[in-house]
Amino acid sequence: MTAPTRERLLTEAMRLFSDRGFEATSVSQIEAAAGLAAGSGALYRHFKSKDALLAAGIDRQLDRRAAMHDIRALFAGIGDLHAELTVLGRYLLTVIDQETELLQIAARTPAGLSARLDGAYAALVDGLTAELAGWIETWGPQLTRRERSTVAALGVNALLGARFATNLFRRADAAVPDDDYLAEWTTLLAARLQNRSGPARP
């Protein structure tokens, strides 16, 4: 069954924005990709502008993210630091993978061009960091709030960096397998949480 025209425009626009960047993608290209006559203006029967189309795509991503499970439900009954970290790492990678288009669009769009896009990107990264920091508080109560936030930022940025290397820069052939990457990620974070002294503070 063919998707409705509006949905096709939305899906193809987000794909093109992801591949080429928002500014480099024309309305005609979006129309053609959606199976409409390029340059016909058919897009404007569904969206006021290309900016409105991007906003609708961001809203769709936000709706999908809101439907994800409560992170705390992932750890019911585990009670093991390394096991929980591994599950958490896979969860974070899953979220990042589901947001690949948004991340690629943000990476290829100059900051400040779309406040909606900037806000959506910040909300994604800040949300993941806050979730990890909240989990760290349970296993690293000796850490200060600032330390928990810093460790969480390092953890999330490490996973984002892995995906940017493969998805944004097309380096799939050079990628470290997820299992190997997560094993090292888990080992490093676990070691930090188990180190009660932590780094020296001025």
N, C-alpha and C. Protein backbone atom coordinates (compact mmCIF):
# COMPACT_ATOMS: atom_id res chain seq x y z
N MET A 1 0.85 -1.19 0.00
CA MET A 1 0.00 0.00 0.00
C MET A 1 0.89 1.24 0.00
N THR A 2 0.62 2.17 -0.91
CA THR A 2 1.42 3.38 -1.03
C THR A 2 1.13 4.33 0.12
N ALA A 3 2.18 4.89 0.70
CA ALA A 3 2.01 5.83 1.80
C ALA A 3 1.36 7.11 1.30
N PRO A 4 0.59 7.79 2.15
CA PRO A 4 -0.01 9.07 1.75
C PRO A 4 1.07 10.05 1.29
N THR A 5 0.67 10.95 0.41
CA THR A 5 1.64 11.90 -0.17
C THR A 5 2.38 12.69 0.90
N ARG A 6 1.67 13.17 1.91
CA ARG A 6 2.32 13.96 2.95
C ARG A 6 3.41 13.15 3.66
N GLU A 7 3.10 11.88 3.95
CA GLU A 7 4.06 11.03 4.64
C GLU A 7 5.27 10.74 3.75
N ARG A 8 5.03 10.55 2.46
CA ARG A 8 6.15 10.31 1.53
C ARG A 8 7.04 11.53 1.45
N LEU A 9 6.44 12.71 1.38
CA LEU A 9 7.23 13.94 1.34
C LEU A 9 8.07 14.07 2.61
N LEU A 10 7.48 13.75 3.74
CA LEU A 10 8.18 13.86 5.01
C LEU A 10 9.34 12.87 5.09
N THR A 11 9.08 11.64 4.71
CA THR A 11 10.11 10.60 4.78
C THR A 11 11.27 10.91 3.83
N GLU A 12 10.95 11.28 2.59
CA GLU A 12 12.00 11.55 1.61
C GLU A 12 12.76 12.83 1.94
N ALA A 13 12.07 13.82 2.47
CA ALA A 13 12.76 15.06 2.83
C ALA A 13 13.78 14.81 3.93
N MET A 14 13.40 14.06 4.96
CA MET A 14 14.34 13.79 6.05
C MET A 14 15.52 12.97 5.54
N ARG A 15 15.26 12.05 4.63
CA ARG A 15 16.36 11.26 4.06
C ARG A 15 17.31 12.15 3.28
N LEU A 16 16.77 13.04 2.46
CA LEU A 16 17.61 13.93 1.66
C LEU A 16 18.33 14.95 2.54
N PHE A 17 17.64 15.49 3.54
CA PHE A 17 18.30 16.42 4.45
C PHE A 17 19.47 15.72 5.14
N SER A 18 19.27 14.45 5.47
CA SER A 18 20.31 13.67 6.14
C SER A 18 21.50 13.42 5.21
N ASP A 19 21.22 13.09 3.96
CA ASP A 19 22.28 12.76 3.00
C ASP A 19 23.02 14.00 2.49
N ARG A 20 22.28 15.08 2.24
CA ARG A 20 22.86 16.25 1.56
C ARG A 20 22.95 17.50 2.42
N GLY A 21 22.15 17.56 3.47
CA GLY A 21 22.05 18.77 4.25
C GLY A 21 20.79 19.53 3.90
N PHE A 22 20.28 20.29 4.85
CA PHE A 22 19.03 21.02 4.65
C PHE A 22 19.15 22.04 3.52
N GLU A 23 20.20 22.85 3.57
CA GLU A 23 20.35 23.92 2.59
C GLU A 23 20.58 23.39 1.17
N ALA A 24 21.26 22.26 1.06
CA ALA A 24 21.63 21.73 -0.25
C ALA A 24 20.49 20.94 -0.90
N THR A 25 19.41 20.74 -0.19
CA THR A 25 18.27 19.98 -0.72
C THR A 25 17.20 20.95 -1.21
N SER A 26 16.79 20.80 -2.45
CA SER A 26 15.77 21.69 -3.02
C SER A 26 14.38 21.08 -2.90
N VAL A 27 13.38 21.93 -3.00
CA VAL A 27 11.99 21.47 -2.99
C VAL A 27 11.74 20.53 -4.16
N SER A 28 12.31 20.84 -5.31
CA SER A 28 12.13 19.99 -6.50
C SER A 28 12.69 18.59 -6.26
N GLN A 29 13.83 18.51 -5.61
CA GLN A 29 14.43 17.20 -5.31
C GLN A 29 13.54 16.39 -4.37
N ILE A 30 12.95 17.06 -3.40
CA ILE A 30 12.05 16.37 -2.47
C ILE A 30 10.82 15.86 -3.20
N GLU A 31 10.26 16.68 -4.06
CA GLU A 31 9.08 16.28 -4.82
C GLU A 31 9.39 15.07 -5.70
N ALA A 32 10.51 15.10 -6.38
CA ALA A 32 10.88 13.99 -7.26
C ALA A 32 11.08 12.71 -6.46
N ALA A 33 11.76 12.82 -5.31
CA ALA A 33 12.02 11.64 -4.48
C ALA A 33 10.72 11.04 -3.95
N ALA A 34 9.71 11.87 -3.76
CA ALA A 34 8.42 11.41 -3.25
C ALA A 34 7.50 10.92 -4.37
N GLY A 35 8.01 10.90 -5.61
CA GLY A 35 7.21 10.40 -6.73
C GLY A 35 6.28 11.43 -7.33
N LEU A 36 6.56 12.71 -7.07
CA LEU A 36 5.74 13.79 -7.62
C LEU A 36 6.52 14.50 -8.72
N ALA A 37 5.84 15.28 -9.49
CA ALA A 37 6.49 16.02 -10.57
C ALA A 37 7.40 17.09 -9.97
N ALA A 38 8.70 17.01 -10.30
CA ALA A 38 9.66 17.97 -9.77
C ALA A 38 9.32 19.37 -10.25
N GLY A 39 9.30 20.32 -9.33
CA GLY A 39 9.02 21.70 -9.69
C GLY A 39 7.55 22.02 -9.83
N SER A 40 6.69 21.09 -9.52
CA SER A 40 5.25 21.30 -9.67
C SER A 40 4.65 22.12 -8.54
N GLY A 41 5.39 22.24 -7.44
CA GLY A 41 4.85 22.94 -6.28
C GLY A 41 3.92 22.09 -5.44
N ALA A 42 3.90 20.78 -5.71
CA ALA A 42 3.01 19.88 -4.98
C ALA A 42 3.32 19.86 -3.49
N LEU A 43 4.58 20.08 -3.15
CA LEU A 43 4.97 20.06 -1.74
C LEU A 43 4.19 21.10 -0.95
N TYR A 44 3.92 22.25 -1.57
CA TYR A 44 3.28 23.36 -0.86
C TYR A 44 1.80 23.12 -0.59
N ARG A 45 1.25 22.07 -1.15
CA ARG A 45 -0.13 21.71 -0.82
C ARG A 45 -0.19 20.99 0.54
N HIS A 46 0.98 20.58 1.04
CA HIS A 46 1.04 19.85 2.31
C HIS A 46 1.85 20.58 3.37
N PHE A 47 2.82 21.39 2.94
CA PHE A 47 3.67 22.12 3.88
C PHE A 47 3.85 23.56 3.38
N LYS A 48 3.86 24.50 4.31
CA LYS A 48 3.98 25.90 3.92
C LYS A 48 5.34 26.22 3.32
N SER A 49 6.36 25.51 3.78
CA SER A 49 7.72 25.80 3.34
C SER A 49 8.62 24.60 3.64
N LYS A 50 9.84 24.69 3.16
CA LYS A 50 10.82 23.65 3.48
C LYS A 50 11.13 23.64 4.97
N ASP A 51 11.12 24.82 5.58
CA ASP A 51 11.33 24.91 7.04
C ASP A 51 10.21 24.19 7.79
N ALA A 52 8.97 24.36 7.32
CA ALA A 52 7.84 23.69 7.97
C ALA A 52 7.94 22.18 7.81
N LEU A 53 8.48 21.75 6.69
CA LEU A 53 8.69 20.32 6.44
C LEU A 53 9.73 19.76 7.42
N LEU A 54 10.81 20.48 7.63
CA LEU A 54 11.82 20.06 8.60
C LEU A 54 11.23 20.00 10.00
N ALA A 55 10.43 21.01 10.36
CA ALA A 55 9.81 21.03 11.69
C ALA A 55 8.91 19.82 11.88
N ALA A 56 8.17 19.45 10.84
CA ALA A 56 7.29 18.29 10.93
C ALA A 56 8.10 17.01 11.09
N GLY A 57 9.24 16.94 10.40
CA GLY A 57 10.11 15.77 10.54
C GLY A 57 10.67 15.66 11.94
N ILE A 58 11.05 16.80 12.53
CA ILE A 58 11.56 16.81 13.90
C ILE A 58 10.47 16.37 14.87
N ASP A 59 9.25 16.86 14.65
CA ASP A 59 8.14 16.47 15.52
C ASP A 59 7.91 14.96 15.46
N ARG A 60 8.03 14.39 14.27
CA ARG A 60 7.84 12.95 14.13
C ARG A 60 8.91 12.19 14.92
N GLN A 61 10.16 12.66 14.88
CA GLN A 61 11.23 12.04 15.65
C GLN A 61 10.96 12.14 17.15
N LEU A 62 10.48 13.31 17.59
CA LEU A 62 10.20 13.51 19.00
C LEU A 62 9.08 12.59 19.47
N ASP A 63 8.08 12.39 18.63
CA ASP A 63 6.98 11.49 18.97
C ASP A 63 7.49 10.06 19.15
N ARG A 64 8.38 9.64 18.25
CA ARG A 64 8.93 8.29 18.35
C ARG A 64 9.75 8.13 19.63
N ARG A 65 10.52 9.16 19.96
CA ARG A 65 11.35 9.08 21.15
C ARG A 65 10.50 9.01 22.41
N ALA A 66 9.39 9.75 22.43
CA ALA A 66 8.53 9.77 23.60
C ALA A 66 7.92 8.40 23.86
N ALA A 67 7.83 7.57 22.82
CA ALA A 67 7.22 6.25 22.96
C ALA A 67 8.20 5.20 23.50
N MET A 68 9.46 5.56 23.68
CA MET A 68 10.44 4.59 24.15
C MET A 68 10.20 4.24 25.61
N HIS A 69 10.68 3.07 26.01
CA HIS A 69 10.45 2.57 27.36
C HIS A 69 11.23 3.37 28.40
N ASP A 70 10.72 3.36 29.62
CA ASP A 70 11.42 3.95 30.75
C ASP A 70 12.74 3.21 30.93
N ILE A 71 13.84 3.94 31.00
CA ILE A 71 15.16 3.32 31.09
C ILE A 71 15.30 2.45 32.34
N ARG A 72 14.62 2.83 33.42
CA ARG A 72 14.76 2.06 34.66
C ARG A 72 14.22 0.64 34.52
N ALA A 73 13.27 0.45 33.61
CA ALA A 73 12.71 -0.89 33.42
C ALA A 73 13.73 -1.86 32.83
N LEU A 74 14.78 -1.32 32.21
CA LEU A 74 15.79 -2.18 31.60
C LEU A 74 16.59 -2.96 32.65
N PHE A 75 16.68 -2.42 33.86
CA PHE A 75 17.60 -2.99 34.84
C PHE A 75 16.92 -3.75 35.96
N ALA A 76 15.63 -3.99 35.83
CA ALA A 76 14.90 -4.67 36.90
C ALA A 76 15.54 -6.03 37.19
N GLY A 77 16.05 -6.18 38.42
CA GLY A 77 16.57 -7.46 38.85
C GLY A 77 17.98 -7.81 38.42
N ILE A 78 18.68 -6.92 37.70
CA ILE A 78 20.04 -7.27 37.25
C ILE A 78 21.02 -7.13 38.41
N GLY A 79 21.20 -5.91 38.92
CA GLY A 79 22.04 -5.72 40.10
C GLY A 79 23.52 -5.96 39.91
N ASP A 80 24.02 -5.95 38.68
CA ASP A 80 25.45 -6.16 38.41
C ASP A 80 25.95 -4.99 37.58
N LEU A 81 27.02 -4.35 38.04
CA LEU A 81 27.52 -3.13 37.40
C LEU A 81 27.83 -3.33 35.93
N HIS A 82 28.65 -4.33 35.60
CA HIS A 82 29.04 -4.53 34.21
C HIS A 82 27.85 -4.92 33.33
N ALA A 83 26.97 -5.76 33.85
CA ALA A 83 25.81 -6.18 33.08
C ALA A 83 24.89 -5.00 32.80
N GLU A 84 24.66 -4.17 33.82
CA GLU A 84 23.79 -3.01 33.63
C GLU A 84 24.40 -2.02 32.65
N LEU A 85 25.71 -1.80 32.76
CA LEU A 85 26.38 -0.88 31.84
C LEU A 85 26.28 -1.37 30.40
N THR A 86 26.42 -2.66 30.20
CA THR A 86 26.33 -3.22 28.86
C THR A 86 24.93 -3.02 28.28
N VAL A 87 23.92 -3.31 29.10
CA VAL A 87 22.53 -3.11 28.65
C VAL A 87 22.28 -1.63 28.37
N LEU A 88 22.78 -0.78 29.25
CA LEU A 88 22.59 0.66 29.07
C LEU A 88 23.28 1.15 27.81
N GLY A 89 24.50 0.66 27.56
CA GLY A 89 25.21 1.06 26.35
C GLY A 89 24.46 0.66 25.09
N ARG A 90 23.90 -0.55 25.09
CA ARG A 90 23.12 -1.00 23.92
C ARG A 90 21.86 -0.15 23.75
N TYR A 91 21.23 0.19 24.87
CA TYR A 91 20.04 1.04 24.82
C TYR A 91 20.39 2.41 24.21
N LEU A 92 21.48 3.02 24.70
CA LEU A 92 21.87 4.34 24.19
C LEU A 92 22.20 4.28 22.70
N LEU A 93 22.90 3.22 22.28
CA LEU A 93 23.20 3.07 20.86
C LEU A 93 21.92 2.90 20.03
N THR A 94 20.96 2.19 20.57
CA THR A 94 19.69 2.01 19.87
C THR A 94 18.99 3.35 19.66
N VAL A 95 18.97 4.17 20.70
CA VAL A 95 18.35 5.50 20.57
C VAL A 95 19.10 6.32 19.53
N ILE A 96 20.43 6.30 19.60
CA ILE A 96 21.23 7.07 18.64
C ILE A 96 20.97 6.58 17.22
N ASP A 97 20.88 5.26 17.03
CA ASP A 97 20.61 4.72 15.70
C ASP A 97 19.24 5.15 15.19
N GLN A 98 18.26 5.19 16.08
CA GLN A 98 16.93 5.62 15.68
C GLN A 98 16.89 7.10 15.33
N GLU A 99 17.86 7.84 15.83
CA GLU A 99 17.92 9.28 15.57
C GLU A 99 18.99 9.64 14.54
N THR A 100 19.44 8.65 13.76
CA THR A 100 20.52 8.89 12.80
C THR A 100 20.21 10.04 11.86
N GLU A 101 19.00 10.05 11.30
CA GLU A 101 18.65 11.13 10.37
C GLU A 101 18.75 12.49 11.03
N LEU A 102 18.20 12.62 12.23
CA LEU A 102 18.24 13.90 12.92
C LEU A 102 19.68 14.32 13.20
N LEU A 103 20.51 13.38 13.63
CA LEU A 103 21.91 13.69 13.93
C LEU A 103 22.66 14.11 12.67
N GLN A 104 22.41 13.42 11.56
CA GLN A 104 23.09 13.77 10.32
C GLN A 104 22.63 15.13 9.80
N ILE A 105 21.34 15.40 9.92
CA ILE A 105 20.83 16.71 9.49
C ILE A 105 21.47 17.81 10.32
N ALA A 106 21.52 17.59 11.65
CA ALA A 106 22.12 18.59 12.53
C ALA A 106 23.60 18.81 12.19
N ALA A 107 24.30 17.72 11.89
CA ALA A 107 25.73 17.83 11.58
C ALA A 107 25.96 18.57 10.26
N ARG A 108 25.03 18.49 9.33
CA ARG A 108 25.20 19.09 8.01
C ARG A 108 24.50 20.43 7.87
N THR A 109 23.92 20.92 8.95
CA THR A 109 23.20 22.20 8.92
C THR A 109 23.91 23.19 9.84
N PRO A 110 24.26 24.38 9.34
CA PRO A 110 24.95 25.36 10.18
C PRO A 110 24.15 25.67 11.44
N ALA A 111 24.83 25.77 12.57
CA ALA A 111 24.17 26.13 13.82
C ALA A 111 23.51 27.49 13.67
N GLY A 112 22.31 27.61 14.20
CA GLY A 112 21.59 28.87 14.13
C GLY A 112 20.66 29.00 12.95
N LEU A 113 20.78 28.11 11.97
CA LEU A 113 19.91 28.20 10.79
C LEU A 113 18.48 27.80 11.15
N SER A 114 18.34 26.81 12.02
CA SER A 114 17.02 26.36 12.46
C SER A 114 17.05 26.17 13.96
N ALA A 115 16.36 27.08 14.66
CA ALA A 115 16.31 26.98 16.12
C ALA A 115 15.64 25.67 16.53
N ARG A 116 14.67 25.23 15.74
CA ARG A 116 13.96 23.98 16.06
C ARG A 116 14.92 22.80 15.98
N LEU A 117 15.76 22.78 14.96
CA LEU A 117 16.73 21.70 14.80
C LEU A 117 17.78 21.74 15.90
N ASP A 118 18.29 22.92 16.18
CA ASP A 118 19.28 23.06 17.26
C ASP A 118 18.70 22.57 18.59
N GLY A 119 17.43 22.93 18.85
CA GLY A 119 16.80 22.53 20.09
C GLY A 119 16.58 21.03 20.17
N ALA A 120 16.20 20.42 19.03
CA ALA A 120 15.96 18.98 19.01
C ALA A 120 17.25 18.21 19.24
N TYR A 121 18.34 18.68 18.62
CA TYR A 121 19.64 18.03 18.81
C TYR A 121 20.09 18.14 20.26
N ALA A 122 19.97 19.34 20.83
CA ALA A 122 20.38 19.54 22.22
C ALA A 122 19.53 18.69 23.16
N ALA A 123 18.23 18.59 22.87
CA ALA A 123 17.34 17.80 23.73
C ALA A 123 17.72 16.33 23.70
N LEU A 124 18.10 15.84 22.51
CA LEU A 124 18.50 14.44 22.39
C LEU A 124 19.76 14.17 23.21
N VAL A 125 20.80 14.95 22.98
CA VAL A 125 22.08 14.73 23.67
C VAL A 125 21.94 14.97 25.17
N ASP A 126 21.26 16.04 25.54
CA ASP A 126 21.08 16.33 26.97
C ASP A 126 20.24 15.25 27.65
N GLY A 127 19.24 14.74 26.93
CA GLY A 127 18.39 13.70 27.50
C GLY A 127 19.16 12.42 27.74
N LEU A 128 19.96 12.00 26.77
CA LEU A 128 20.77 10.80 26.94
C LEU A 128 21.78 10.97 28.07
N THR A 129 22.39 12.15 28.13
CA THR A 129 23.38 12.41 29.18
C THR A 129 22.73 12.40 30.56
N ALA A 130 21.54 12.98 30.66
CA ALA A 130 20.83 13.00 31.93
C ALA A 130 20.44 11.58 32.37
N GLU A 131 20.02 10.75 31.41
CA GLU A 131 19.66 9.38 31.74
C GLU A 131 20.86 8.60 32.27
N LEU A 132 22.01 8.78 31.60
CA LEU A 132 23.21 8.08 32.04
C LEU A 132 23.67 8.60 33.39
N ALA A 133 23.61 9.93 33.58
CA ALA A 133 24.02 10.51 34.87
C ALA A 133 23.13 10.02 36.00
N GLY A 134 21.84 9.86 35.72
CA GLY A 134 20.93 9.36 36.74
C GLY A 134 21.26 7.94 37.14
N TRP A 135 21.64 7.14 36.16
CA TRP A 135 22.03 5.77 36.46
C TRP A 135 23.35 5.75 37.23
N ILE A 136 24.29 6.60 36.85
CA ILE A 136 25.60 6.66 37.52
C ILE A 136 25.44 7.00 38.99
N GLU A 137 24.44 7.80 39.33
CA GLU A 137 24.25 8.19 40.73
C GLU A 137 24.03 6.98 41.63
N THR A 138 23.39 5.94 41.07
CA THR A 138 23.14 4.74 41.87
C THR A 138 24.43 3.97 42.14
N TRP A 139 25.27 3.84 41.11
CA TRP A 139 26.49 3.03 41.23
C TRP A 139 27.71 3.84 41.66
N GLY A 140 27.63 5.15 41.57
CA GLY A 140 28.77 5.99 41.95
C GLY A 140 28.38 7.09 42.91
N PRO A 141 27.80 6.73 44.05
CA PRO A 141 27.34 7.76 45.00
C PRO A 141 28.48 8.60 45.56
N GLN A 142 29.71 8.10 45.44
CA GLN A 142 30.86 8.86 45.93
C GLN A 142 31.23 10.03 45.01
N LEU A 143 30.70 10.01 43.80
CA LEU A 143 31.02 11.08 42.85
C LEU A 143 30.15 12.31 43.12
N THR A 144 30.72 13.47 42.88
CA THR A 144 29.94 14.70 43.01
C THR A 144 29.00 14.81 41.81
N ARG A 145 28.04 15.70 41.90
CA ARG A 145 27.11 15.89 40.77
C ARG A 145 27.88 16.30 39.52
N ARG A 146 28.87 17.16 39.70
CA ARG A 146 29.67 17.60 38.55
C ARG A 146 30.42 16.43 37.92
N GLU A 147 30.98 15.57 38.77
CA GLU A 147 31.70 14.40 38.25
C GLU A 147 30.75 13.46 37.52
N ARG A 148 29.55 13.24 38.08
CA ARG A 148 28.58 12.37 37.41
C ARG A 148 28.21 12.93 36.05
N SER A 149 28.00 14.23 35.97
CA SER A 149 27.65 14.86 34.70
C SER A 149 28.78 14.74 33.69
N THR A 150 30.01 14.89 34.18
CA THR A 150 31.17 14.80 33.29
C THR A 150 31.35 13.37 32.76
N VAL A 151 31.25 12.39 33.64
CA VAL A 151 31.39 10.99 33.23
C VAL A 151 30.27 10.63 32.25
N ALA A 152 29.06 11.09 32.53
CA ALA A 152 27.93 10.80 31.64
C ALA A 152 28.15 11.44 30.27
N ALA A 153 28.65 12.67 30.24
CA ALA A 153 28.93 13.34 28.96
C ALA A 153 29.98 12.57 28.17
N LEU A 154 31.03 12.11 28.87
CA LEU A 154 32.06 11.32 28.20
C LEU A 154 31.47 10.03 27.62
N GLY A 155 30.61 9.38 28.40
CA GLY A 155 30.01 8.13 27.95
C GLY A 155 29.14 8.31 26.73
N VAL A 156 28.29 9.32 26.75
CA VAL A 156 27.39 9.57 25.61
C VAL A 156 28.19 10.03 24.39
N ASN A 157 29.15 10.92 24.61
CA ASN A 157 29.94 11.42 23.48
C ASN A 157 30.75 10.31 22.82
N ALA A 158 31.19 9.33 23.61
CA ALA A 158 31.93 8.20 23.04
C ALA A 158 31.05 7.39 22.10
N LEU A 159 29.79 7.21 22.46
CA LEU A 159 28.87 6.46 21.61
C LEU A 159 28.46 7.28 20.39
N LEU A 160 28.21 8.57 20.60
CA LEU A 160 27.89 9.44 19.47
C LEU A 160 29.05 9.48 18.48
N GLY A 161 30.27 9.57 19.00
CA GLY A 161 31.44 9.62 18.13
C GLY A 161 31.58 8.36 17.29
N ALA A 162 31.29 7.21 17.88
CA ALA A 162 31.37 5.96 17.13
C ALA A 162 30.40 5.95 15.98
N ARG A 163 29.18 6.44 16.24
CA ARG A 163 28.17 6.45 15.18
C ARG A 163 28.45 7.53 14.13
N PHE A 164 28.96 8.67 14.56
CA PHE A 164 29.28 9.71 13.59
C PHE A 164 30.37 9.22 12.63
N ALA A 165 31.33 8.49 13.15
CA ALA A 165 32.43 7.99 12.31
C ALA A 165 31.90 7.07 11.22
N THR A 166 30.93 6.23 11.56
CA THR A 166 30.42 5.27 10.57
C THR A 166 29.32 5.86 9.71
N ASN A 167 28.37 6.59 10.32
CA ASN A 167 27.20 7.06 9.58
C ASN A 167 27.41 8.38 8.86
N LEU A 168 28.09 9.31 9.52
CA LEU A 168 28.26 10.62 8.92
C LEU A 168 29.42 10.64 7.94
N PHE A 169 30.52 10.00 8.30
CA PHE A 169 31.71 10.05 7.46
C PHE A 169 31.91 8.79 6.63
N ARG A 170 30.88 7.93 6.64
CA ARG A 170 30.87 6.75 5.76
C ARG A 170 32.13 5.88 5.95
N ARG A 171 32.42 5.56 7.21
CA ARG A 171 33.61 4.76 7.50
C ARG A 171 33.23 3.40 8.05
N ALA A 172 32.20 2.79 7.50
CA ALA A 172 31.73 1.51 8.01
C ALA A 172 32.82 0.44 7.95
N ASP A 173 33.69 0.53 6.93
CA ASP A 173 34.73 -0.48 6.80
C ASP A 173 35.78 -0.37 7.91
N ALA A 174 35.88 0.81 8.55
CA ALA A 174 36.89 1.01 9.59
C ALA A 174 36.29 0.91 10.99
N ALA A 175 34.99 0.62 11.06
CA ALA A 175 34.31 0.64 12.35
C ALA A 175 34.73 -0.55 13.21
N VAL A 176 34.82 -0.29 14.51
CA VAL A 176 35.03 -1.37 15.48
C VAL A 176 33.67 -2.02 15.71
N PRO A 177 33.60 -3.35 15.73
CA PRO A 177 32.31 -4.01 15.98
C PRO A 177 31.68 -3.52 17.28
N ASP A 178 30.36 -3.41 17.29
CA ASP A 178 29.66 -2.90 18.47
C ASP A 178 30.00 -3.66 19.73
N ASP A 179 30.06 -4.98 19.65
CA ASP A 179 30.34 -5.77 20.84
C ASP A 179 31.70 -5.41 21.44
N ASP A 180 32.71 -5.25 20.58
CA ASP A 180 34.04 -4.89 21.06
C ASP A 180 34.05 -3.48 21.64
N TYR A 181 33.39 -2.57 20.94
CA TYR A 181 33.35 -1.18 21.38
C TYR A 181 32.65 -1.06 22.73
N LEU A 182 31.51 -1.73 22.87
CA LEU A 182 30.75 -1.67 24.11
C LEU A 182 31.50 -2.34 25.26
N ALA A 183 32.25 -3.38 24.96
CA ALA A 183 33.03 -4.05 26.01
C ALA A 183 34.06 -3.09 26.60
N GLU A 184 34.75 -2.34 25.74
CA GLU A 184 35.74 -1.36 26.23
C GLU A 184 35.05 -0.19 26.92
N TRP A 185 33.93 0.26 26.35
CA TRP A 185 33.16 1.36 26.95
C TRP A 185 32.73 0.99 28.36
N THR A 186 32.23 -0.24 28.51
CA THR A 186 31.79 -0.72 29.81
C THR A 186 32.96 -0.81 30.79
N THR A 187 34.07 -1.35 30.33
CA THR A 187 35.25 -1.50 31.20
C THR A 187 35.74 -0.15 31.71
N LEU A 188 35.80 0.84 30.82
CA LEU A 188 36.30 2.16 31.20
C LEU A 188 35.36 2.86 32.18
N LEU A 189 34.07 2.83 31.89
CA LEU A 189 33.13 3.50 32.79
C LEU A 189 33.05 2.78 34.14
N ALA A 190 33.06 1.46 34.11
CA ALA A 190 33.00 0.70 35.36
C ALA A 190 34.22 1.00 36.23
N ALA A 191 35.39 1.10 35.61
CA ALA A 191 36.60 1.40 36.36
C ALA A 191 36.50 2.77 37.02
N ARG A 192 35.92 3.73 36.32
CA ARG A 192 35.77 5.07 36.89
C ARG A 192 34.80 5.05 38.07
N LEU A 193 33.71 4.29 37.94
CA LEU A 193 32.72 4.24 39.01
C LEU A 193 33.25 3.50 40.24
N GLN A 194 34.14 2.56 40.01
CA GLN A 194 34.69 1.78 41.12
C GLN A 194 35.90 2.46 41.76
N ASN A 195 36.40 3.52 41.13
CA ASN A 195 37.55 4.26 41.67
C ASN A 195 37.01 5.34 42.59
N ARG A 196 37.03 5.09 43.88
CA ARG A 196 36.42 6.01 44.83
C ARG A 196 37.19 7.32 44.97
N SER A 197 38.50 7.27 44.69
CA SER A 197 39.27 8.51 44.86
C SER A 197 39.02 9.47 43.72
N GLY A 198 38.91 8.92 42.50
CA GLY A 198 38.65 9.78 41.35
C GLY A 198 39.83 10.68 41.04
N PRO A 199 39.68 11.54 40.03
CA PRO A 199 40.77 12.45 39.69
C PRO A 199 40.92 13.53 40.75
N ALA A 200 42.15 13.98 40.91
CA ALA A 200 42.41 15.02 41.90
C ALA A 200 41.72 16.31 41.49
N ARG A 201 41.11 17.00 42.47
CA ARG A 201 40.43 18.25 42.20
C ARG A 201 41.20 19.37 42.86
N PRO A 202 41.25 20.51 42.19
CA PRO A 202 41.98 21.64 42.78
C PRO A 202 41.28 22.16 44.03
